[in-house]
Amino acid sequence: MAVSPEFSEHIRDLFAGLGPVTIRRMFGGAGLFIDDAMFALVADETIYMKTDDDLARAYRDAGSKPFVYSGGGRTIEMSYWRLPDSAMDDPDEALDWARRSLVPAEKAAAEKRAAKARKAAKTKKT
């Protein structure tokens, strides 16, 4: 299910302090981006924030759960954790979590750019 216009507006309000948030439809939900860094995803109108191992522990301590899905007969846990309920109506708290989630998101985006550049350079040589 795509993200409703009302929920998209709520997302933009929550994360307004980050700058322009781009919402891109994907896999029945959406990715939330600052530039090319996907810092969150939305599934069933639930916001899941990008994490690394340390940040995942902070989300867990805040009562959050990871984003999981089933595929190929198994359950897959991704590096995105649900935005704590307390942050859903508190733009200051949501912004704090988002800024923390931008760190691993920007790292992942940089790694993706580097891999793409390596692939392009390899293709160019052949």
N, C-alpha and C. Protein backbone atom coordinates (compact mmCIF):
# COMPACT_ATOMS: atom_id res chain seq x y z
N MET A 1 0.85 -1.19 0.00
CA MET A 1 0.00 0.00 0.00
C MET A 1 0.89 1.24 0.00
N ALA A 2 0.59 2.15 -0.87
CA ALA A 2 1.34 3.41 -0.95
C ALA A 2 1.04 4.28 0.28
N VAL A 3 1.90 5.24 0.51
CA VAL A 3 1.73 6.15 1.63
C VAL A 3 0.65 7.17 1.28
N SER A 4 -0.29 7.36 2.18
CA SER A 4 -1.38 8.31 1.92
C SER A 4 -0.85 9.74 1.90
N PRO A 5 -1.56 10.63 1.19
CA PRO A 5 -1.14 12.04 1.19
C PRO A 5 -1.10 12.64 2.60
N GLU A 6 -2.04 12.25 3.45
CA GLU A 6 -2.07 12.78 4.82
C GLU A 6 -0.85 12.32 5.61
N PHE A 7 -0.48 11.04 5.45
CA PHE A 7 0.68 10.54 6.18
C PHE A 7 1.96 11.14 5.61
N SER A 8 2.01 11.34 4.31
CA SER A 8 3.17 12.00 3.69
C SER A 8 3.36 13.39 4.27
N GLU A 9 2.27 14.11 4.46
CA GLU A 9 2.34 15.46 5.05
C GLU A 9 2.83 15.38 6.50
N HIS A 10 2.34 14.39 7.24
CA HIS A 10 2.79 14.21 8.62
C HIS A 10 4.30 13.93 8.65
N ILE A 11 4.77 13.10 7.74
CA ILE A 11 6.21 12.80 7.65
C ILE A 11 7.01 14.07 7.41
N ARG A 12 6.55 14.87 6.47
CA ARG A 12 7.26 16.11 6.15
C ARG A 12 7.27 17.06 7.35
N ASP A 13 6.18 17.11 8.09
CA ASP A 13 6.13 17.94 9.30
C ASP A 13 7.10 17.43 10.37
N LEU A 14 7.11 16.10 10.58
CA LEU A 14 7.99 15.52 11.60
C LEU A 14 9.46 15.81 11.32
N PHE A 15 9.85 15.74 10.05
CA PHE A 15 11.26 15.82 9.71
C PHE A 15 11.63 17.13 9.01
N ALA A 16 10.80 18.15 9.16
CA ALA A 16 11.03 19.43 8.49
C ALA A 16 12.40 20.03 8.84
N GLY A 17 12.87 19.80 10.03
CA GLY A 17 14.16 20.35 10.44
C GLY A 17 15.36 19.76 9.72
N LEU A 18 15.17 18.66 9.01
CA LEU A 18 16.27 18.05 8.25
C LEU A 18 16.50 18.74 6.91
N GLY A 19 15.49 19.47 6.46
CA GLY A 19 15.53 20.01 5.10
C GLY A 19 14.51 19.26 4.27
N PRO A 20 14.57 19.44 2.95
CA PRO A 20 13.57 18.79 2.10
C PRO A 20 13.71 17.26 2.11
N VAL A 21 12.65 16.60 2.57
CA VAL A 21 12.60 15.14 2.58
C VAL A 21 11.90 14.69 1.31
N THR A 22 12.55 13.80 0.58
CA THR A 22 11.95 13.22 -0.62
C THR A 22 11.35 11.87 -0.23
N ILE A 23 10.11 11.65 -0.63
CA ILE A 23 9.42 10.40 -0.37
C ILE A 23 9.29 9.67 -1.70
N ARG A 24 9.94 8.50 -1.80
CA ARG A 24 9.91 7.72 -3.04
C ARG A 24 9.18 6.40 -2.79
N ARG A 25 8.20 6.14 -3.65
CA ARG A 25 7.46 4.89 -3.55
C ARG A 25 8.39 3.71 -3.86
N MET A 26 8.25 2.67 -3.07
CA MET A 26 9.02 1.46 -3.32
C MET A 26 8.41 0.28 -2.59
N PHE A 27 8.34 -0.85 -3.23
CA PHE A 27 7.90 -2.10 -2.62
C PHE A 27 6.60 -1.97 -1.82
N GLY A 28 5.64 -1.25 -2.31
CA GLY A 28 4.38 -1.10 -1.62
C GLY A 28 4.41 -0.09 -0.48
N GLY A 29 5.56 0.48 -0.21
CA GLY A 29 5.69 1.50 0.82
C GLY A 29 6.44 2.68 0.25
N ALA A 30 7.39 3.20 1.02
CA ALA A 30 8.15 4.35 0.55
C ALA A 30 9.48 4.43 1.29
N GLY A 31 10.44 5.05 0.63
CA GLY A 31 11.71 5.39 1.25
C GLY A 31 11.74 6.88 1.50
N LEU A 32 12.32 7.29 2.62
CA LEU A 32 12.47 8.71 2.95
C LEU A 32 13.94 9.06 2.76
N PHE A 33 14.19 10.09 1.96
CA PHE A 33 15.54 10.44 1.57
C PHE A 33 15.87 11.89 1.88
N ILE A 34 17.12 12.11 2.27
CA ILE A 34 17.76 13.42 2.25
C ILE A 34 18.88 13.23 1.24
N ASP A 35 18.80 13.98 0.15
CA ASP A 35 19.70 13.77 -0.99
C ASP A 35 19.59 12.31 -1.42
N ASP A 36 20.71 11.56 -1.46
CA ASP A 36 20.62 10.16 -1.88
C ASP A 36 20.67 9.19 -0.70
N ALA A 37 20.55 9.70 0.51
CA ALA A 37 20.62 8.87 1.71
C ALA A 37 19.21 8.52 2.19
N MET A 38 18.90 7.21 2.16
CA MET A 38 17.60 6.75 2.65
C MET A 38 17.70 6.55 4.16
N PHE A 39 17.14 7.49 4.91
CA PHE A 39 17.25 7.46 6.37
C PHE A 39 16.07 6.76 7.03
N ALA A 40 15.03 6.46 6.27
CA ALA A 40 13.87 5.78 6.83
C ALA A 40 13.07 5.12 5.72
N LEU A 41 12.25 4.17 6.11
CA LEU A 41 11.29 3.59 5.18
C LEU A 41 9.93 3.60 5.85
N VAL A 42 8.90 3.55 5.03
CA VAL A 42 7.54 3.53 5.53
C VAL A 42 6.86 2.29 4.97
N ALA A 43 6.27 1.51 5.86
CA ALA A 43 5.50 0.34 5.48
C ALA A 43 4.23 0.34 6.33
N ASP A 44 3.10 0.21 5.68
CA ASP A 44 1.82 0.22 6.40
C ASP A 44 1.70 1.44 7.31
N GLU A 45 2.14 2.57 6.80
CA GLU A 45 2.10 3.85 7.51
C GLU A 45 2.78 3.78 8.89
N THR A 46 3.84 3.01 8.94
CA THR A 46 4.73 2.94 10.09
C THR A 46 6.11 3.37 9.61
N ILE A 47 6.76 4.24 10.37
CA ILE A 47 8.08 4.75 9.98
C ILE A 47 9.15 3.91 10.66
N TYR A 48 10.08 3.42 9.84
CA TYR A 48 11.23 2.65 10.32
C TYR A 48 12.49 3.43 9.96
N MET A 49 13.36 3.62 10.94
CA MET A 49 14.55 4.45 10.77
C MET A 49 15.80 3.59 10.54
N LYS A 50 16.69 4.07 9.68
CA LYS A 50 17.95 3.37 9.39
C LYS A 50 18.81 3.31 10.64
N THR A 51 19.47 2.15 10.85
CA THR A 51 20.32 1.99 12.01
C THR A 51 21.63 1.30 11.65
N ASP A 52 22.56 1.38 12.55
CA ASP A 52 23.73 0.52 12.58
C ASP A 52 23.60 -0.26 13.89
N ASP A 53 24.60 -1.05 14.25
CA ASP A 53 24.47 -1.88 15.46
C ASP A 53 24.26 -1.06 16.73
N ASP A 54 25.03 0.01 16.90
CA ASP A 54 24.90 0.83 18.12
C ASP A 54 23.54 1.52 18.18
N LEU A 55 23.11 2.08 17.06
CA LEU A 55 21.84 2.80 17.05
C LEU A 55 20.67 1.83 17.20
N ALA A 56 20.79 0.63 16.67
CA ALA A 56 19.73 -0.38 16.85
C ALA A 56 19.50 -0.65 18.33
N ARG A 57 20.58 -0.69 19.10
CA ARG A 57 20.44 -0.88 20.55
C ARG A 57 19.67 0.28 21.18
N ALA A 58 19.93 1.49 20.74
CA ALA A 58 19.21 2.65 21.28
C ALA A 58 17.72 2.56 20.94
N TYR A 59 17.41 2.16 19.70
CA TYR A 59 16.01 1.99 19.32
C TYR A 59 15.36 0.89 20.16
N ARG A 60 16.07 -0.22 20.35
CA ARG A 60 15.55 -1.32 21.16
C ARG A 60 15.27 -0.83 22.58
N ASP A 61 16.21 -0.06 23.14
CA ASP A 61 16.04 0.47 24.50
C ASP A 61 14.85 1.41 24.60
N ALA A 62 14.50 2.04 23.48
CA ALA A 62 13.34 2.95 23.45
C ALA A 62 12.03 2.20 23.20
N GLY A 63 12.11 0.85 23.13
CA GLY A 63 10.90 0.05 22.95
C GLY A 63 10.55 -0.23 21.51
N SER A 64 11.45 0.06 20.60
CA SER A 64 11.20 -0.12 19.18
C SER A 64 11.41 -1.57 18.76
N LYS A 65 10.94 -1.87 17.55
CA LYS A 65 11.10 -3.21 16.95
C LYS A 65 11.67 -3.02 15.54
N PRO A 66 12.42 -4.03 15.05
CA PRO A 66 12.98 -3.92 13.70
C PRO A 66 11.93 -4.19 12.64
N PHE A 67 12.24 -3.71 11.43
CA PHE A 67 11.41 -4.02 10.27
C PHE A 67 11.78 -5.43 9.81
N VAL A 68 10.79 -6.30 9.71
CA VAL A 68 11.01 -7.66 9.23
C VAL A 68 10.00 -7.96 8.12
N TYR A 69 10.42 -8.83 7.23
CA TYR A 69 9.50 -9.30 6.20
C TYR A 69 9.83 -10.75 5.88
N SER A 70 8.89 -11.43 5.25
CA SER A 70 9.08 -12.82 4.87
C SER A 70 9.40 -12.90 3.40
N GLY A 71 10.38 -13.73 3.07
CA GLY A 71 10.74 -13.93 1.67
C GLY A 71 11.51 -15.23 1.53
N GLY A 72 11.16 -15.99 0.51
CA GLY A 72 11.87 -17.23 0.27
C GLY A 72 11.74 -18.22 1.41
N GLY A 73 10.61 -18.20 2.11
CA GLY A 73 10.40 -19.13 3.20
C GLY A 73 11.13 -18.79 4.49
N ARG A 74 11.65 -17.58 4.59
CA ARG A 74 12.34 -17.19 5.82
C ARG A 74 11.97 -15.76 6.20
N THR A 75 12.26 -15.41 7.44
CA THR A 75 12.01 -14.05 7.93
C THR A 75 13.32 -13.28 7.86
N ILE A 76 13.24 -12.09 7.29
CA ILE A 76 14.43 -11.25 7.10
C ILE A 76 14.27 -9.98 7.93
N GLU A 77 15.28 -9.69 8.75
CA GLU A 77 15.30 -8.48 9.56
C GLU A 77 16.22 -7.47 8.90
N MET A 78 15.72 -6.29 8.64
CA MET A 78 16.52 -5.25 8.01
C MET A 78 17.08 -4.30 9.06
N SER A 79 17.97 -3.42 8.62
CA SER A 79 18.62 -2.47 9.52
C SER A 79 17.79 -1.19 9.66
N TYR A 80 16.49 -1.37 9.78
CA TYR A 80 15.55 -0.27 10.01
C TYR A 80 14.71 -0.64 11.22
N TRP A 81 14.58 0.32 12.14
CA TRP A 81 13.81 0.10 13.36
C TRP A 81 12.69 1.13 13.44
N ARG A 82 11.55 0.70 14.00
CA ARG A 82 10.36 1.55 14.11
C ARG A 82 10.68 2.81 14.92
N LEU A 83 10.26 3.94 14.38
CA LEU A 83 10.38 5.20 15.13
C LEU A 83 9.57 5.04 16.41
N PRO A 84 10.16 5.31 17.57
CA PRO A 84 9.42 5.15 18.83
C PRO A 84 8.09 5.91 18.81
N ASP A 85 7.08 5.29 19.39
CA ASP A 85 5.74 5.90 19.42
C ASP A 85 5.76 7.32 19.95
N SER A 86 6.59 7.56 20.96
CA SER A 86 6.63 8.90 21.58
C SER A 86 7.08 9.96 20.58
N ALA A 87 7.81 9.57 19.53
CA ALA A 87 8.31 10.54 18.54
C ALA A 87 7.31 10.81 17.42
N MET A 88 6.28 10.00 17.32
CA MET A 88 5.33 10.16 16.21
C MET A 88 4.57 11.48 16.25
N ASP A 89 4.40 12.04 17.42
CA ASP A 89 3.70 13.32 17.55
C ASP A 89 4.58 14.40 18.15
N ASP A 90 5.89 14.15 18.16
CA ASP A 90 6.83 15.10 18.74
C ASP A 90 7.95 15.37 17.73
N PRO A 91 7.81 16.45 16.92
CA PRO A 91 8.81 16.73 15.89
C PRO A 91 10.23 16.88 16.44
N ASP A 92 10.39 17.38 17.65
CA ASP A 92 11.74 17.51 18.22
C ASP A 92 12.37 16.14 18.45
N GLU A 93 11.61 15.23 19.03
CA GLU A 93 12.12 13.89 19.27
C GLU A 93 12.33 13.15 17.95
N ALA A 94 11.37 13.28 17.02
CA ALA A 94 11.51 12.63 15.71
C ALA A 94 12.75 13.14 14.99
N LEU A 95 12.99 14.42 15.08
CA LEU A 95 14.16 15.03 14.43
C LEU A 95 15.46 14.51 15.05
N ASP A 96 15.47 14.34 16.37
CA ASP A 96 16.65 13.78 17.02
C ASP A 96 16.95 12.37 16.51
N TRP A 97 15.92 11.52 16.45
CA TRP A 97 16.11 10.17 15.93
C TRP A 97 16.55 10.21 14.46
N ALA A 98 15.95 11.08 13.69
CA ALA A 98 16.28 11.17 12.27
C ALA A 98 17.74 11.60 12.06
N ARG A 99 18.18 12.56 12.83
CA ARG A 99 19.59 12.98 12.71
C ARG A 99 20.53 11.84 13.05
N ARG A 100 20.18 11.07 14.05
CA ARG A 100 21.01 9.92 14.41
C ARG A 100 20.97 8.86 13.31
N SER A 101 19.81 8.68 12.68
CA SER A 101 19.68 7.69 11.61
C SER A 101 20.33 8.14 10.31
N LEU A 102 20.53 9.43 10.15
CA LEU A 102 21.20 9.93 8.95
C LEU A 102 22.66 9.47 8.87
N VAL A 103 23.29 9.24 10.01
CA VAL A 103 24.70 8.83 10.01
C VAL A 103 24.87 7.50 9.27
N PRO A 104 24.16 6.41 9.68
CA PRO A 104 24.32 5.17 8.92
C PRO A 104 23.73 5.25 7.51
N ALA A 105 22.72 6.09 7.32
CA ALA A 105 22.13 6.24 6.00
C ALA A 105 23.12 6.88 5.03
N GLU A 106 23.81 7.91 5.49
CA GLU A 106 24.81 8.57 4.64
C GLU A 106 26.00 7.66 4.38
N LYS A 107 26.37 6.85 5.37
CA LYS A 107 27.46 5.89 5.17
C LYS A 107 27.06 4.86 4.11
N ALA A 108 25.85 4.35 4.18
CA ALA A 108 25.37 3.37 3.20
C ALA A 108 25.29 4.00 1.81
N ALA A 109 24.85 5.25 1.71
CA ALA A 109 24.77 5.93 0.42
C ALA A 109 26.16 6.13 -0.18
N ALA A 110 27.13 6.47 0.66
CA ALA A 110 28.51 6.66 0.19
C ALA A 110 29.08 5.33 -0.31
N GLU A 111 28.80 4.25 0.41
CA GLU A 111 29.27 2.93 -0.02
C GLU A 111 28.63 2.53 -1.35
N LYS A 112 27.37 2.84 -1.52
CA LYS A 112 26.67 2.54 -2.77
C LYS A 112 27.25 3.34 -3.93
N ARG A 113 27.54 4.63 -3.69
CA ARG A 113 28.15 5.46 -4.74
C ARG A 113 29.52 4.91 -5.13
N ALA A 114 30.32 4.51 -4.13
CA ALA A 114 31.65 3.98 -4.39
C ALA A 114 31.58 2.69 -5.20
N ALA A 115 30.65 1.81 -4.85
CA ALA A 115 30.50 0.55 -5.58
C ALA A 115 30.07 0.81 -7.02
N LYS A 116 29.19 1.77 -7.19
CA LYS A 116 28.73 2.13 -8.54
C LYS A 116 29.89 2.69 -9.36
N ALA A 117 30.72 3.52 -8.75
CA ALA A 117 31.87 4.10 -9.43
C ALA A 117 32.87 3.00 -9.80
N ARG A 118 33.10 2.05 -8.90
CA ARG A 118 34.02 0.94 -9.20
C ARG A 118 33.48 0.11 -10.37
N LYS A 119 32.21 -0.14 -10.37
CA LYS A 119 31.59 -0.92 -11.45
C LYS A 119 31.70 -0.17 -12.77
N ALA A 120 31.46 1.13 -12.76
CA ALA A 120 31.55 1.94 -13.98
C ALA A 120 33.00 1.96 -14.49
N ALA A 121 33.96 2.05 -13.59
CA ALA A 121 35.37 2.07 -13.98
C ALA A 121 35.77 0.72 -14.57
N LYS A 122 35.29 -0.36 -13.97
CA LYS A 122 35.58 -1.70 -14.47
C LYS A 122 34.98 -1.90 -15.85
N THR A 123 33.74 -1.46 -16.04
CA THR A 123 33.06 -1.58 -17.32
C THR A 123 33.78 -0.76 -18.39
N LYS A 124 34.27 0.41 -18.01
CA LYS A 124 34.96 1.30 -18.93
C LYS A 124 36.27 0.68 -19.42
N LYS A 125 36.95 -0.10 -18.55
CA LYS A 125 38.21 -0.73 -18.92
C LYS A 125 38.03 -1.85 -19.93
N THR A 126 36.87 -2.50 -19.89
CA THR A 126 36.67 -3.65 -20.78
C THR A 126 36.06 -3.27 -22.09
